[in-house]
Amino acid sequence: MNTKYFRNLEIVGVFLVFGLATLLHFIYDLTDGSVFSILFGAINESVWENTKIFLIAYAIWALIELLVSNVYFKPFVVGKVLSLYFLGAFIIVLHYLSVLIFGKSIVWVDVVIGFLGVLLSQLMSYKLIVGDKDLKPYFVPSLFLLGLFLVGYFSFSVFPPHIELFRDETTGFYGILPDYADQSETVLNNL
């Protein structure tokens, strides 16, 4: 494996993942709620939906890296899956920590958290994949975690659990917003 080439892919990935996540944040509105945008874009302003866009962008870039680099498959999968879970946890925990500190959600803080999460996840995956530790024994559990991630990922936008993580911070709804959600504040107060 060419570690310098792979390192460069990880660095480029920070910016491409962040850029793709930014695009995915707006794709639901841009496509008028297409099925593609429901599965891959942010359908509301919940913490989950704003984390989801980073996770799918990270996974897409990982797949591209796998295809264009000459890495060992099992350590690569383990490193990327662990980093994917780290990215999700990092964004969620720091978002709620920032709300605790500032008293409300602040967009630019969430953007910085997302960027730092991607940066640290790329660094973590690089260190895991090119490091000396034998990751092959963790391959099967990583496949299980990847499958669990995919099931949750594709389920939670359409059938979100009614917990704070999935509640739209601007409307109070869960999942796909109903058409009348933006009609008036009176409608929301009567629900």
N, C-alpha and C. Protein backbone atom coordinates (compact mmCIF):
# COMPACT_ATOMS: atom_id res chain seq x y z
N MET A 1 0.85 -1.18 0.00
CA MET A 1 0.00 0.00 0.00
C MET A 1 0.89 1.25 0.00
N ASN A 2 0.53 2.19 -0.81
CA ASN A 2 1.23 3.47 -0.89
C ASN A 2 0.64 4.39 0.18
N THR A 3 1.32 4.50 1.32
CA THR A 3 0.76 5.27 2.45
C THR A 3 0.69 6.76 2.16
N LYS A 4 1.62 7.28 1.36
CA LYS A 4 1.58 8.71 1.04
C LYS A 4 0.35 9.02 0.18
N TYR A 5 0.07 8.19 -0.79
CA TYR A 5 -1.11 8.36 -1.64
C TYR A 5 -2.39 8.26 -0.80
N PHE A 6 -2.43 7.26 0.09
CA PHE A 6 -3.60 7.08 0.93
C PHE A 6 -3.76 8.26 1.89
N ARG A 7 -2.66 8.76 2.43
CA ARG A 7 -2.72 9.95 3.30
C ARG A 7 -3.30 11.14 2.55
N ASN A 8 -2.88 11.32 1.32
CA ASN A 8 -3.41 12.42 0.51
C ASN A 8 -4.90 12.25 0.23
N LEU A 9 -5.33 11.01 0.00
CA LEU A 9 -6.76 10.75 -0.18
C LEU A 9 -7.54 11.12 1.09
N GLU A 10 -7.00 10.81 2.24
CA GLU A 10 -7.67 11.13 3.50
C GLU A 10 -7.76 12.65 3.69
N ILE A 11 -6.70 13.36 3.32
CA ILE A 11 -6.72 14.83 3.44
C ILE A 11 -7.74 15.44 2.49
N VAL A 12 -7.71 15.02 1.24
CA VAL A 12 -8.68 15.51 0.25
C VAL A 12 -10.09 15.15 0.71
N GLY A 13 -10.23 13.98 1.31
CA GLY A 13 -11.53 13.52 1.79
C GLY A 13 -12.17 14.44 2.81
N VAL A 14 -11.36 15.08 3.64
CA VAL A 14 -11.91 16.01 4.63
C VAL A 14 -12.76 17.07 3.94
N PHE A 15 -12.22 17.65 2.90
CA PHE A 15 -12.90 18.75 2.21
C PHE A 15 -14.04 18.24 1.32
N LEU A 16 -13.84 17.10 0.68
CA LEU A 16 -14.89 16.56 -0.17
C LEU A 16 -16.08 16.06 0.67
N VAL A 17 -15.81 15.41 1.78
CA VAL A 17 -16.89 14.95 2.65
C VAL A 17 -17.67 16.14 3.19
N PHE A 18 -16.97 17.16 3.65
CA PHE A 18 -17.64 18.35 4.17
C PHE A 18 -18.47 19.02 3.07
N GLY A 19 -17.90 19.14 1.87
CA GLY A 19 -18.64 19.74 0.76
C GLY A 19 -19.86 18.94 0.37
N LEU A 20 -19.72 17.62 0.29
CA LEU A 20 -20.86 16.77 -0.05
C LEU A 20 -21.93 16.84 1.03
N ALA A 21 -21.53 16.85 2.30
CA ALA A 21 -22.50 16.97 3.39
C ALA A 21 -23.26 18.29 3.30
N THR A 22 -22.57 19.34 2.94
CA THR A 22 -23.23 20.64 2.77
C THR A 22 -24.27 20.57 1.66
N LEU A 23 -23.91 19.97 0.55
CA LEU A 23 -24.86 19.80 -0.56
C LEU A 23 -26.05 18.94 -0.12
N LEU A 24 -25.78 17.87 0.58
CA LEU A 24 -26.86 16.97 1.03
C LEU A 24 -27.80 17.65 2.03
N HIS A 25 -27.30 18.66 2.71
CA HIS A 25 -28.16 19.38 3.65
C HIS A 25 -29.32 20.07 2.92
N PHE A 26 -29.06 20.53 1.71
CA PHE A 26 -30.06 21.29 0.96
C PHE A 26 -30.77 20.49 -0.13
N ILE A 27 -30.37 19.26 -0.37
CA ILE A 27 -30.89 18.51 -1.51
C ILE A 27 -32.38 18.17 -1.38
N TYR A 28 -32.88 18.00 -0.17
CA TYR A 28 -34.31 17.70 0.01
C TYR A 28 -35.16 18.85 -0.51
N ASP A 29 -34.80 20.07 -0.15
CA ASP A 29 -35.55 21.23 -0.63
C ASP A 29 -35.33 21.46 -2.12
N LEU A 30 -34.12 21.24 -2.59
CA LEU A 30 -33.81 21.48 -4.01
C LEU A 30 -34.54 20.51 -4.94
N THR A 31 -34.82 19.30 -4.46
CA THR A 31 -35.45 18.29 -5.32
C THR A 31 -36.93 18.10 -5.00
N ASP A 32 -37.48 18.99 -4.19
CA ASP A 32 -38.90 18.92 -3.82
C ASP A 32 -39.25 17.61 -3.13
N GLY A 33 -38.35 17.10 -2.32
CA GLY A 33 -38.63 15.91 -1.52
C GLY A 33 -38.60 14.60 -2.27
N SER A 34 -37.69 14.45 -3.23
CA SER A 34 -37.58 13.19 -3.97
C SER A 34 -37.16 12.07 -3.03
N VAL A 35 -37.41 10.84 -3.44
CA VAL A 35 -37.05 9.67 -2.62
C VAL A 35 -35.55 9.67 -2.35
N PHE A 36 -34.76 9.98 -3.37
CA PHE A 36 -33.31 10.06 -3.21
C PHE A 36 -32.95 11.03 -2.08
N SER A 37 -33.59 12.19 -2.09
CA SER A 37 -33.25 13.21 -1.09
C SER A 37 -33.73 12.82 0.31
N ILE A 38 -34.79 12.04 0.39
CA ILE A 38 -35.25 11.56 1.70
C ILE A 38 -34.22 10.61 2.29
N LEU A 39 -33.67 9.75 1.46
CA LEU A 39 -32.70 8.77 1.95
C LEU A 39 -31.32 9.36 2.20
N PHE A 40 -30.93 10.35 1.41
CA PHE A 40 -29.56 10.85 1.50
C PHE A 40 -29.43 12.29 1.98
N GLY A 41 -30.50 13.04 2.00
CA GLY A 41 -30.43 14.43 2.42
C GLY A 41 -31.03 14.64 3.80
N ALA A 42 -30.96 15.86 4.28
CA ALA A 42 -31.55 16.22 5.56
C ALA A 42 -32.99 16.64 5.32
N ILE A 43 -33.95 15.90 5.87
CA ILE A 43 -35.37 16.19 5.63
C ILE A 43 -35.94 17.17 6.65
N ASN A 44 -35.21 17.44 7.70
CA ASN A 44 -35.63 18.45 8.68
C ASN A 44 -34.39 18.94 9.42
N GLU A 45 -34.57 19.71 10.46
CA GLU A 45 -33.44 20.28 11.20
C GLU A 45 -33.19 19.56 12.53
N SER A 46 -33.44 18.26 12.56
CA SER A 46 -33.14 17.51 13.78
C SER A 46 -31.63 17.22 13.84
N VAL A 47 -31.18 16.90 15.00
CA VAL A 47 -29.75 16.57 15.17
C VAL A 47 -29.41 15.35 14.32
N TRP A 48 -30.31 14.36 14.29
CA TRP A 48 -30.05 13.16 13.49
C TRP A 48 -29.88 13.49 12.02
N GLU A 49 -30.79 14.29 11.47
CA GLU A 49 -30.72 14.59 10.04
C GLU A 49 -29.46 15.38 9.70
N ASN A 50 -29.02 16.25 10.60
CA ASN A 50 -27.79 17.00 10.36
C ASN A 50 -26.54 16.16 10.60
N THR A 51 -26.66 15.08 11.33
CA THR A 51 -25.56 14.14 11.48
C THR A 51 -25.54 13.17 10.30
N LYS A 52 -26.72 12.76 9.88
CA LYS A 52 -26.87 11.78 8.80
C LYS A 52 -26.15 12.21 7.53
N ILE A 53 -26.22 13.48 7.20
CA ILE A 53 -25.60 13.95 5.96
C ILE A 53 -24.08 13.80 6.00
N PHE A 54 -23.50 13.97 7.17
CA PHE A 54 -22.05 13.77 7.31
C PHE A 54 -21.71 12.28 7.23
N LEU A 55 -22.55 11.45 7.82
CA LEU A 55 -22.29 10.01 7.82
C LEU A 55 -22.34 9.42 6.42
N ILE A 56 -23.35 9.81 5.64
CA ILE A 56 -23.45 9.25 4.29
C ILE A 56 -22.35 9.81 3.39
N ALA A 57 -22.01 11.07 3.56
CA ALA A 57 -20.91 11.64 2.77
C ALA A 57 -19.60 10.93 3.11
N TYR A 58 -19.40 10.63 4.39
CA TYR A 58 -18.19 9.92 4.83
C TYR A 58 -18.16 8.51 4.24
N ALA A 59 -19.30 7.83 4.25
CA ALA A 59 -19.37 6.47 3.72
C ALA A 59 -19.14 6.46 2.21
N ILE A 60 -19.69 7.44 1.51
CA ILE A 60 -19.48 7.52 0.05
C ILE A 60 -18.00 7.73 -0.25
N TRP A 61 -17.36 8.63 0.49
CA TRP A 61 -15.93 8.87 0.25
C TRP A 61 -15.11 7.63 0.59
N ALA A 62 -15.48 6.91 1.62
CA ALA A 62 -14.76 5.69 1.99
C ALA A 62 -14.84 4.67 0.85
N LEU A 63 -16.00 4.56 0.23
CA LEU A 63 -16.16 3.64 -0.90
C LEU A 63 -15.28 4.07 -2.06
N ILE A 64 -15.23 5.35 -2.33
CA ILE A 64 -14.37 5.86 -3.41
C ILE A 64 -12.90 5.57 -3.08
N GLU A 65 -12.51 5.81 -1.84
CA GLU A 65 -11.13 5.52 -1.43
C GLU A 65 -10.79 4.06 -1.64
N LEU A 66 -11.71 3.19 -1.27
CA LEU A 66 -11.49 1.75 -1.42
C LEU A 66 -11.26 1.40 -2.89
N LEU A 67 -12.01 2.04 -3.77
CA LEU A 67 -11.91 1.73 -5.19
C LEU A 67 -10.65 2.28 -5.86
N VAL A 68 -10.14 3.41 -5.36
CA VAL A 68 -9.00 4.05 -6.05
C VAL A 68 -7.66 3.84 -5.35
N SER A 69 -7.67 3.21 -4.20
CA SER A 69 -6.40 2.98 -3.51
C SER A 69 -6.14 1.49 -3.37
N ASN A 70 -4.93 1.17 -3.12
CA ASN A 70 -4.52 -0.22 -2.97
C ASN A 70 -4.35 -0.53 -1.49
N VAL A 71 -5.46 -0.54 -0.75
CA VAL A 71 -5.41 -0.78 0.69
C VAL A 71 -5.82 -2.21 0.98
N TYR A 72 -5.42 -2.70 2.14
CA TYR A 72 -5.85 -4.02 2.58
C TYR A 72 -7.30 -3.91 3.03
N PHE A 73 -8.14 -4.78 2.47
CA PHE A 73 -9.58 -4.67 2.61
C PHE A 73 -10.06 -4.73 4.06
N LYS A 74 -9.66 -5.75 4.80
CA LYS A 74 -10.19 -5.94 6.16
C LYS A 74 -9.79 -4.79 7.11
N PRO A 75 -8.53 -4.40 7.16
CA PRO A 75 -8.19 -3.25 8.02
C PRO A 75 -8.89 -1.96 7.58
N PHE A 76 -9.07 -1.81 6.28
CA PHE A 76 -9.75 -0.63 5.76
C PHE A 76 -11.19 -0.58 6.27
N VAL A 77 -11.91 -1.69 6.15
CA VAL A 77 -13.30 -1.74 6.60
C VAL A 77 -13.39 -1.46 8.09
N VAL A 78 -12.53 -2.08 8.87
CA VAL A 78 -12.55 -1.87 10.32
C VAL A 78 -12.28 -0.41 10.66
N GLY A 79 -11.24 0.16 10.05
CA GLY A 79 -10.89 1.55 10.33
C GLY A 79 -11.99 2.53 9.94
N LYS A 80 -12.60 2.31 8.79
CA LYS A 80 -13.65 3.22 8.33
C LYS A 80 -14.94 3.07 9.14
N VAL A 81 -15.31 1.85 9.51
CA VAL A 81 -16.53 1.65 10.30
C VAL A 81 -16.36 2.28 11.68
N LEU A 82 -15.22 2.05 12.32
CA LEU A 82 -14.99 2.67 13.64
C LEU A 82 -14.99 4.19 13.53
N SER A 83 -14.40 4.70 12.49
CA SER A 83 -14.36 6.15 12.29
C SER A 83 -15.74 6.72 11.97
N LEU A 84 -16.55 5.95 11.28
CA LEU A 84 -17.92 6.36 10.98
C LEU A 84 -18.73 6.51 12.27
N TYR A 85 -18.62 5.53 13.15
CA TYR A 85 -19.31 5.61 14.43
C TYR A 85 -18.76 6.75 15.29
N PHE A 86 -17.46 6.94 15.24
CA PHE A 86 -16.86 8.07 15.96
C PHE A 86 -17.42 9.39 15.46
N LEU A 87 -17.52 9.53 14.14
CA LEU A 87 -18.03 10.76 13.53
C LEU A 87 -19.44 11.06 14.02
N GLY A 88 -20.30 10.07 13.99
CA GLY A 88 -21.67 10.27 14.47
C GLY A 88 -21.73 10.66 15.93
N ALA A 89 -20.99 9.94 16.75
CA ALA A 89 -20.98 10.25 18.19
C ALA A 89 -20.39 11.63 18.46
N PHE A 90 -19.33 11.98 17.76
CA PHE A 90 -18.68 13.27 17.93
C PHE A 90 -19.65 14.41 17.64
N ILE A 91 -20.33 14.34 16.50
CA ILE A 91 -21.25 15.41 16.11
C ILE A 91 -22.40 15.52 17.10
N ILE A 92 -22.98 14.39 17.47
CA ILE A 92 -24.14 14.41 18.37
C ILE A 92 -23.76 14.93 19.75
N VAL A 93 -22.69 14.40 20.32
CA VAL A 93 -22.28 14.81 21.67
C VAL A 93 -21.88 16.28 21.70
N LEU A 94 -21.08 16.71 20.73
CA LEU A 94 -20.66 18.11 20.74
C LEU A 94 -21.81 19.07 20.43
N HIS A 95 -22.77 18.64 19.64
CA HIS A 95 -23.94 19.49 19.41
C HIS A 95 -24.66 19.74 20.73
N TYR A 96 -24.96 18.68 21.46
CA TYR A 96 -25.69 18.85 22.71
C TYR A 96 -24.84 19.58 23.76
N LEU A 97 -23.55 19.39 23.74
CA LEU A 97 -22.66 20.13 24.64
C LEU A 97 -22.69 21.62 24.31
N SER A 98 -22.68 21.95 23.02
CA SER A 98 -22.73 23.37 22.62
C SER A 98 -24.07 23.99 23.00
N VAL A 99 -25.16 23.23 22.88
CA VAL A 99 -26.47 23.75 23.29
C VAL A 99 -26.47 23.98 24.80
N LEU A 100 -25.83 23.11 25.54
CA LEU A 100 -25.73 23.27 26.99
C LEU A 100 -24.94 24.53 27.34
N ILE A 101 -23.87 24.78 26.61
CA ILE A 101 -23.01 25.93 26.87
C ILE A 101 -23.67 27.24 26.43
N PHE A 102 -24.21 27.27 25.20
CA PHE A 102 -24.75 28.51 24.64
C PHE A 102 -26.24 28.71 24.90
N GLY A 103 -26.91 27.67 25.36
CA GLY A 103 -28.34 27.78 25.64
C GLY A 103 -29.23 27.56 24.44
N LYS A 104 -28.64 27.43 23.26
CA LYS A 104 -29.41 27.17 22.04
C LYS A 104 -28.46 26.64 20.97
N SER A 105 -29.07 26.14 19.91
CA SER A 105 -28.29 25.64 18.78
C SER A 105 -27.84 26.83 17.93
N ILE A 106 -26.55 26.86 17.60
CA ILE A 106 -25.99 27.93 16.78
C ILE A 106 -25.42 27.30 15.52
N VAL A 107 -25.87 27.77 14.36
CA VAL A 107 -25.53 27.14 13.08
C VAL A 107 -24.03 27.09 12.86
N TRP A 108 -23.32 28.20 13.04
CA TRP A 108 -21.89 28.20 12.74
C TRP A 108 -21.13 27.26 13.67
N VAL A 109 -21.60 27.09 14.89
CA VAL A 109 -20.96 26.14 15.82
C VAL A 109 -21.17 24.71 15.30
N ASP A 110 -22.38 24.41 14.84
CA ASP A 110 -22.66 23.08 14.29
C ASP A 110 -21.83 22.81 13.03
N VAL A 111 -21.61 23.82 12.22
CA VAL A 111 -20.79 23.67 11.02
C VAL A 111 -19.34 23.35 11.41
N VAL A 112 -18.83 24.07 12.39
CA VAL A 112 -17.46 23.81 12.87
C VAL A 112 -17.36 22.41 13.47
N ILE A 113 -18.36 22.01 14.24
CA ILE A 113 -18.37 20.67 14.83
C ILE A 113 -18.35 19.62 13.72
N GLY A 114 -19.16 19.82 12.68
CA GLY A 114 -19.17 18.88 11.56
C GLY A 114 -17.82 18.78 10.88
N PHE A 115 -17.20 19.93 10.63
CA PHE A 115 -15.88 19.92 9.97
C PHE A 115 -14.84 19.23 10.84
N LEU A 116 -14.81 19.57 12.13
CA LEU A 116 -13.86 18.93 13.04
C LEU A 116 -14.10 17.43 13.15
N GLY A 117 -15.37 17.04 13.14
CA GLY A 117 -15.71 15.61 13.20
C GLY A 117 -15.16 14.87 12.00
N VAL A 118 -15.33 15.45 10.82
CA VAL A 118 -14.82 14.81 9.60
C VAL A 118 -13.30 14.76 9.64
N LEU A 119 -12.66 15.85 10.03
CA LEU A 119 -11.20 15.90 10.12
C LEU A 119 -10.67 14.83 11.07
N LEU A 120 -11.24 14.75 12.26
CA LEU A 120 -10.78 13.76 13.23
C LEU A 120 -11.08 12.33 12.80
N SER A 121 -12.21 12.13 12.12
CA SER A 121 -12.55 10.79 11.64
C SER A 121 -11.59 10.33 10.55
N GLN A 122 -11.24 11.24 9.67
CA GLN A 122 -10.27 10.90 8.62
C GLN A 122 -8.90 10.59 9.24
N LEU A 123 -8.50 11.38 10.22
CA LEU A 123 -7.23 11.13 10.91
C LEU A 123 -7.27 9.78 11.63
N MET A 124 -8.37 9.52 12.31
CA MET A 124 -8.52 8.26 13.04
C MET A 124 -8.45 7.06 12.08
N SER A 125 -9.18 7.14 10.97
CA SER A 125 -9.18 6.01 10.04
C SER A 125 -7.79 5.82 9.43
N TYR A 126 -7.10 6.90 9.13
CA TYR A 126 -5.75 6.79 8.59
C TYR A 126 -4.83 6.08 9.58
N LYS A 127 -4.88 6.52 10.83
CA LYS A 127 -4.01 5.92 11.85
C LYS A 127 -4.34 4.44 12.05
N LEU A 128 -5.62 4.10 12.03
CA LEU A 128 -6.02 2.70 12.20
C LEU A 128 -5.59 1.84 11.01
N ILE A 129 -5.81 2.35 9.81
CA ILE A 129 -5.57 1.55 8.61
C ILE A 129 -4.09 1.35 8.34
N VAL A 130 -3.26 2.37 8.52
CA VAL A 130 -1.83 2.22 8.23
C VAL A 130 -1.02 1.87 9.47
N GLY A 131 -1.66 1.81 10.62
CA GLY A 131 -0.96 1.51 11.85
C GLY A 131 -0.50 0.05 11.94
N ASP A 132 0.21 -0.24 13.00
CA ASP A 132 0.78 -1.57 13.20
C ASP A 132 -0.19 -2.57 13.82
N LYS A 133 -1.28 -2.08 14.38
CA LYS A 133 -2.23 -2.96 15.06
C LYS A 133 -2.94 -3.85 14.05
N ASP A 134 -3.07 -5.13 14.39
CA ASP A 134 -3.76 -6.09 13.53
C ASP A 134 -5.27 -5.94 13.73
N LEU A 135 -5.95 -5.41 12.72
CA LEU A 135 -7.38 -5.15 12.80
C LEU A 135 -8.23 -6.29 12.23
N LYS A 136 -7.59 -7.30 11.63
CA LYS A 136 -8.34 -8.38 10.99
C LYS A 136 -9.31 -9.09 11.94
N PRO A 137 -8.99 -9.30 13.21
CA PRO A 137 -9.96 -9.97 14.09
C PRO A 137 -11.24 -9.16 14.31
N TYR A 138 -11.21 -7.88 14.02
CA TYR A 138 -12.37 -7.02 14.22
C TYR A 138 -13.21 -6.86 12.95
N PHE A 139 -12.85 -7.59 11.90
CA PHE A 139 -13.53 -7.44 10.62
C PHE A 139 -15.00 -7.86 10.69
N VAL A 140 -15.29 -9.03 11.24
CA VAL A 140 -16.68 -9.51 11.30
C VAL A 140 -17.54 -8.61 12.19
N PRO A 141 -17.06 -8.23 13.39
CA PRO A 141 -17.87 -7.28 14.17
C PRO A 141 -18.08 -5.95 13.45
N SER A 142 -17.10 -5.53 12.67
CA SER A 142 -17.25 -4.28 11.90
C SER A 142 -18.31 -4.43 10.82
N LEU A 143 -18.39 -5.59 10.20
CA LEU A 143 -19.44 -5.83 9.21
C LEU A 143 -20.82 -5.77 9.88
N PHE A 144 -20.91 -6.35 11.08
CA PHE A 144 -22.17 -6.29 11.82
C PHE A 144 -22.53 -4.84 12.13
N LEU A 145 -21.56 -4.05 12.60
CA LEU A 145 -21.81 -2.64 12.90
C LEU A 145 -22.18 -1.85 11.64
N LEU A 146 -21.55 -2.20 10.53
CA LEU A 146 -21.89 -1.53 9.27
C LEU A 146 -23.33 -1.85 8.87
N GLY A 147 -23.72 -3.10 8.99
CA GLY A 147 -25.10 -3.49 8.69
C GLY A 147 -26.09 -2.80 9.61
N LEU A 148 -25.76 -2.72 10.90
CA LEU A 148 -26.60 -2.04 11.87
C LEU A 148 -26.74 -0.56 11.51
N PHE A 149 -25.64 0.04 11.12
CA PHE A 149 -25.66 1.44 10.70
C PHE A 149 -26.59 1.63 9.50
N LEU A 150 -26.47 0.77 8.50
CA LEU A 150 -27.28 0.92 7.29
C LEU A 150 -28.77 0.75 7.59
N VAL A 151 -29.12 -0.21 8.42
CA VAL A 151 -30.53 -0.41 8.78
C VAL A 151 -31.06 0.83 9.50
N GLY A 152 -30.32 1.31 10.49
CA GLY A 152 -30.74 2.51 11.21
C GLY A 152 -30.78 3.72 10.32
N TYR A 153 -29.77 3.86 9.51
CA TYR A 153 -29.66 5.03 8.64
C TYR A 153 -30.89 5.15 7.74
N PHE A 154 -31.24 4.06 7.06
CA PHE A 154 -32.34 4.13 6.11
C PHE A 154 -33.72 4.05 6.77
N SER A 155 -33.78 3.72 8.05
CA SER A 155 -35.06 3.65 8.75
C SER A 155 -35.42 4.94 9.45
N PHE A 156 -34.44 5.60 10.05
CA PHE A 156 -34.73 6.70 10.97
C PHE A 156 -35.30 7.96 10.33
N SER A 157 -35.06 8.19 9.05
CA SER A 157 -35.65 9.36 8.41
C SER A 157 -37.14 9.16 8.18
N VAL A 158 -37.50 7.95 7.78
CA VAL A 158 -38.89 7.67 7.47
C VAL A 158 -39.68 7.29 8.71
N PHE A 159 -39.07 6.54 9.62
CA PHE A 159 -39.73 6.10 10.86
C PHE A 159 -38.88 6.50 12.07
N PRO A 160 -38.79 7.79 12.36
CA PRO A 160 -37.92 8.21 13.46
C PRO A 160 -38.53 7.88 14.83
N PRO A 161 -37.71 7.42 15.75
CA PRO A 161 -38.21 7.27 17.12
C PRO A 161 -38.54 8.66 17.68
N HIS A 162 -39.50 8.75 18.53
CA HIS A 162 -39.91 10.05 19.09
C HIS A 162 -39.08 10.38 20.33
N ILE A 163 -37.79 10.62 20.05
CA ILE A 163 -36.87 11.09 21.08
C ILE A 163 -36.20 12.36 20.58
N GLU A 164 -35.58 13.09 21.47
CA GLU A 164 -35.03 14.41 21.17
C GLU A 164 -34.09 14.41 19.96
N LEU A 165 -33.30 13.39 19.79
CA LEU A 165 -32.34 13.32 18.70
C LEU A 165 -33.00 13.46 17.33
N PHE A 166 -34.23 13.01 17.20
CA PHE A 166 -34.92 13.00 15.92
C PHE A 166 -35.96 14.11 15.77
N ARG A 167 -36.09 14.97 16.77
CA ARG A 167 -37.08 16.05 16.74
C ARG A 167 -36.50 17.26 16.01
N ASP A 168 -37.27 17.76 15.04
CA ASP A 168 -36.86 18.96 14.31
C ASP A 168 -36.79 20.12 15.30
N GLU A 169 -35.64 20.76 15.40
CA GLU A 169 -35.44 21.82 16.38
C GLU A 169 -36.22 23.08 16.07
N THR A 170 -36.70 23.24 14.83
CA THR A 170 -37.45 24.46 14.49
C THR A 170 -38.96 24.27 14.56
N THR A 171 -39.46 23.06 14.27
CA THR A 171 -40.91 22.84 14.24
C THR A 171 -41.42 21.93 15.34
N GLY A 172 -40.56 21.08 15.88
CA GLY A 172 -40.99 20.13 16.89
C GLY A 172 -41.52 18.82 16.31
N PHE A 173 -41.58 18.70 14.99
CA PHE A 173 -42.04 17.47 14.35
C PHE A 173 -40.92 16.45 14.27
N TYR A 174 -41.29 15.22 13.97
CA TYR A 174 -40.34 14.12 13.77
C TYR A 174 -40.44 13.65 12.32
N GLY A 175 -39.30 13.35 11.71
CA GLY A 175 -39.30 12.80 10.36
C GLY A 175 -39.66 13.83 9.30
N ILE A 176 -40.32 13.35 8.25
CA ILE A 176 -40.70 14.21 7.12
C ILE A 176 -41.77 15.18 7.59
N LEU A 177 -41.54 16.45 7.35
CA LEU A 177 -42.47 17.47 7.81
C LEU A 177 -43.75 17.45 6.98
N PRO A 178 -44.90 17.55 7.63
CA PRO A 178 -46.15 17.62 6.88
C PRO A 178 -46.23 18.95 6.12
N ASP A 179 -47.04 18.97 5.06
CA ASP A 179 -47.16 20.16 4.22
C ASP A 179 -47.61 21.39 4.99
N TYR A 180 -48.44 21.22 5.98
CA TYR A 180 -48.97 22.37 6.72
C TYR A 180 -48.02 22.89 7.79
N ALA A 181 -46.87 22.29 7.94
CA ALA A 181 -45.95 22.66 9.03
C ALA A 181 -45.48 24.10 8.93
N ASP A 182 -45.37 24.63 7.75
CA ASP A 182 -44.86 25.99 7.62
C ASP A 182 -45.97 27.02 7.38
N GLN A 183 -47.25 26.63 7.52
CA GLN A 183 -48.33 27.56 7.27
C GLN A 183 -48.42 28.67 8.29
N SER A 184 -48.33 28.32 9.57
CA SER A 184 -48.36 29.36 10.59
C SER A 184 -47.97 28.77 11.93
N GLU A 185 -47.59 29.66 12.80
CA GLU A 185 -47.24 29.24 14.15
C GLU A 185 -48.48 28.75 14.91
N THR A 186 -49.64 29.25 14.53
CA THR A 186 -50.89 28.85 15.18
C THR A 186 -51.15 27.35 14.95
N VAL A 187 -50.92 26.87 13.75
CA VAL A 187 -51.13 25.46 13.46
C VAL A 187 -50.23 24.62 14.34
N LEU A 188 -48.98 25.02 14.47
CA LEU A 188 -48.03 24.27 15.30
C LEU A 188 -48.44 24.28 16.76
N ASN A 189 -48.93 25.37 17.23
CA ASN A 189 -49.31 25.46 18.63
C ASN A 189 -50.55 24.62 18.94
N ASN A 190 -51.36 24.35 17.93
CA ASN A 190 -52.58 23.56 18.13
C ASN A 190 -52.35 22.06 18.02
N LEU A 191 -51.15 21.64 17.64
CA LEU A 191 -50.87 20.21 17.49
C LEU A 191 -50.55 19.56 18.80
